[in-house]
Amino acid sequence: MEGHLVMSKKERERLVVMARVSVQELTIKGCVTEVLSISYRQAKRIYSRYKKREARGLIHKSRGMMSNRAIETGLRKEILESYRMRYNGFGAEISAPNKP
């Protein structure tokens, strides 16, 4: 066993629908486009990936990859440390004195 697939709700819905298409319960032209609210061309591309890679073909390809806009880990740590040094204790809750 290769492991578990982590799928979003949207990807699970696509899996169920594409499985029904593969056993010819649904057609891409009418039913799939309405059920998934996607275009005919997109449905064909999704089904093509499903036929080649089954459930693994429906998972978003960039899952697990770092964002293009992400800050490098080392730089991020430096920035956070700088903030902690400068604003140490700022915004910390102050305990109210006990009232009799």
Protein backbone atom coordinates (compact mmCIF):
# COMPACT_ATOMS: atom_id res chain seq x y z
CA MET A 1 0.00 0.00 0.00
CA GLU A 2 1.40 3.39 -1.02
CA GLY A 3 -0.24 5.37 1.76
CA HIS A 4 -3.29 7.48 2.26
CA LEU A 5 -4.56 10.17 -0.08
CA VAL A 6 -5.58 13.43 1.50
CA MET A 7 -8.39 14.91 -0.54
CA SER A 8 -10.48 18.03 -0.14
CA LYS A 9 -14.26 17.87 -0.18
CA LYS A 10 -14.26 19.15 -3.77
CA GLU A 11 -11.80 16.44 -4.85
CA ARG A 12 -13.86 13.71 -3.15
CA GLU A 13 -16.98 14.91 -4.96
CA ARG A 14 -15.09 14.76 -8.25
CA LEU A 15 -13.92 11.23 -7.43
CA VAL A 16 -17.47 10.01 -6.87
CA VAL A 17 -18.73 11.63 -10.06
CA MET A 18 -15.83 10.38 -12.21
CA ALA A 19 -16.29 6.87 -10.85
CA ARG A 20 -19.92 7.04 -11.99
CA VAL A 21 -18.80 8.23 -15.42
CA SER A 22 -16.37 5.31 -15.71
CA VAL A 23 -19.19 2.79 -15.14
CA GLN A 24 -21.37 4.81 -17.54
CA GLU A 25 -23.97 5.91 -15.00
CA LEU A 26 -23.35 9.54 -15.95
CA THR A 27 -22.20 11.29 -19.09
CA ILE A 28 -19.65 14.06 -19.21
CA LYS A 29 -21.63 16.18 -21.64
CA GLY A 30 -24.75 16.80 -19.59
CA CYS A 31 -24.67 15.46 -16.08
CA VAL A 32 -21.08 15.99 -14.97
CA THR A 33 -20.88 19.59 -16.07
CA GLU A 34 -24.07 20.39 -14.16
CA VAL A 35 -23.21 18.39 -11.02
CA LEU A 36 -19.68 19.76 -10.68
CA SER A 37 -20.48 23.22 -12.13
CA ILE A 38 -17.56 23.07 -14.57
CA SER A 39 -17.25 23.40 -18.32
CA TYR A 40 -17.34 20.45 -20.71
CA ARG A 41 -13.65 20.91 -21.59
CA GLN A 42 -12.63 20.98 -17.93
CA ALA A 43 -14.70 17.85 -17.25
CA LYS A 44 -12.94 16.06 -20.12
CA ARG A 45 -9.50 17.03 -18.76
CA ILE A 46 -10.42 15.86 -15.25
CA TYR A 47 -11.80 12.57 -16.54
CA SER A 48 -8.68 12.02 -18.64
CA ARG A 49 -6.47 12.45 -15.54
CA TYR A 50 -8.82 10.17 -13.60
CA LYS A 51 -8.49 7.41 -16.22
CA LYS A 52 -4.66 7.63 -16.16
CA ARG A 53 -4.02 7.97 -12.42
CA GLU A 54 -7.39 7.17 -10.78
CA ALA A 55 -7.98 9.05 -7.50
CA ARG A 56 -4.40 10.36 -7.45
CA GLY A 57 -5.10 12.25 -10.69
CA LEU A 58 -7.81 14.34 -9.02
CA ILE A 59 -5.57 15.75 -6.29
CA HIS A 60 -4.34 19.28 -6.82
CA LYS A 61 -0.83 19.14 -8.25
CA SER A 62 0.64 21.85 -6.04
CA ARG A 63 -0.42 20.21 -2.77
CA GLY A 64 2.53 19.98 -0.39
CA MET A 65 4.65 22.48 -2.30
CA MET A 66 5.82 25.79 -0.88
CA SER A 67 4.04 28.88 -2.12
CA ASN A 68 5.85 31.10 -4.60
CA ARG A 69 5.14 34.01 -2.26
CA ALA A 70 6.47 32.29 0.88
CA ILE A 71 9.38 33.83 2.76
CA GLU A 72 12.42 31.61 3.24
CA THR A 73 12.42 29.82 6.60
CA GLY A 74 15.67 31.37 7.85
CA LEU A 75 14.60 34.90 6.94
CA ARG A 76 11.19 34.34 8.54
CA LYS A 77 12.82 33.23 11.79
CA GLU A 78 15.07 36.32 11.79
CA ILE A 79 12.10 38.64 11.28
CA LEU A 80 10.06 37.00 14.06
CA GLU A 81 13.01 37.15 16.45
CA SER A 82 13.50 40.85 15.66
CA TYR A 83 9.84 41.55 16.46
CA ARG A 84 10.05 39.58 19.70
CA MET A 85 13.13 41.56 20.79
CA ARG A 86 11.63 44.94 19.96
CA TYR A 87 8.08 44.36 21.21
CA ASN A 88 8.77 42.05 24.15
CA GLY A 89 5.74 42.09 26.44
CA PHE A 90 3.76 44.48 24.25
CA GLY A 91 0.09 43.51 24.29
CA ALA A 92 0.53 41.03 27.14
CA GLU A 93 -2.41 40.74 29.45
CA ILE A 94 -2.03 42.62 32.72
CA SER A 95 -3.61 40.89 35.66
CA ALA A 96 -6.12 43.07 37.49
CA PRO A 97 -5.66 43.46 41.25
CA ASN A 98 -7.92 41.31 43.37
CA LYS A 99 -10.94 43.19 44.69
CA PRO A 100 -12.20 42.37 48.18
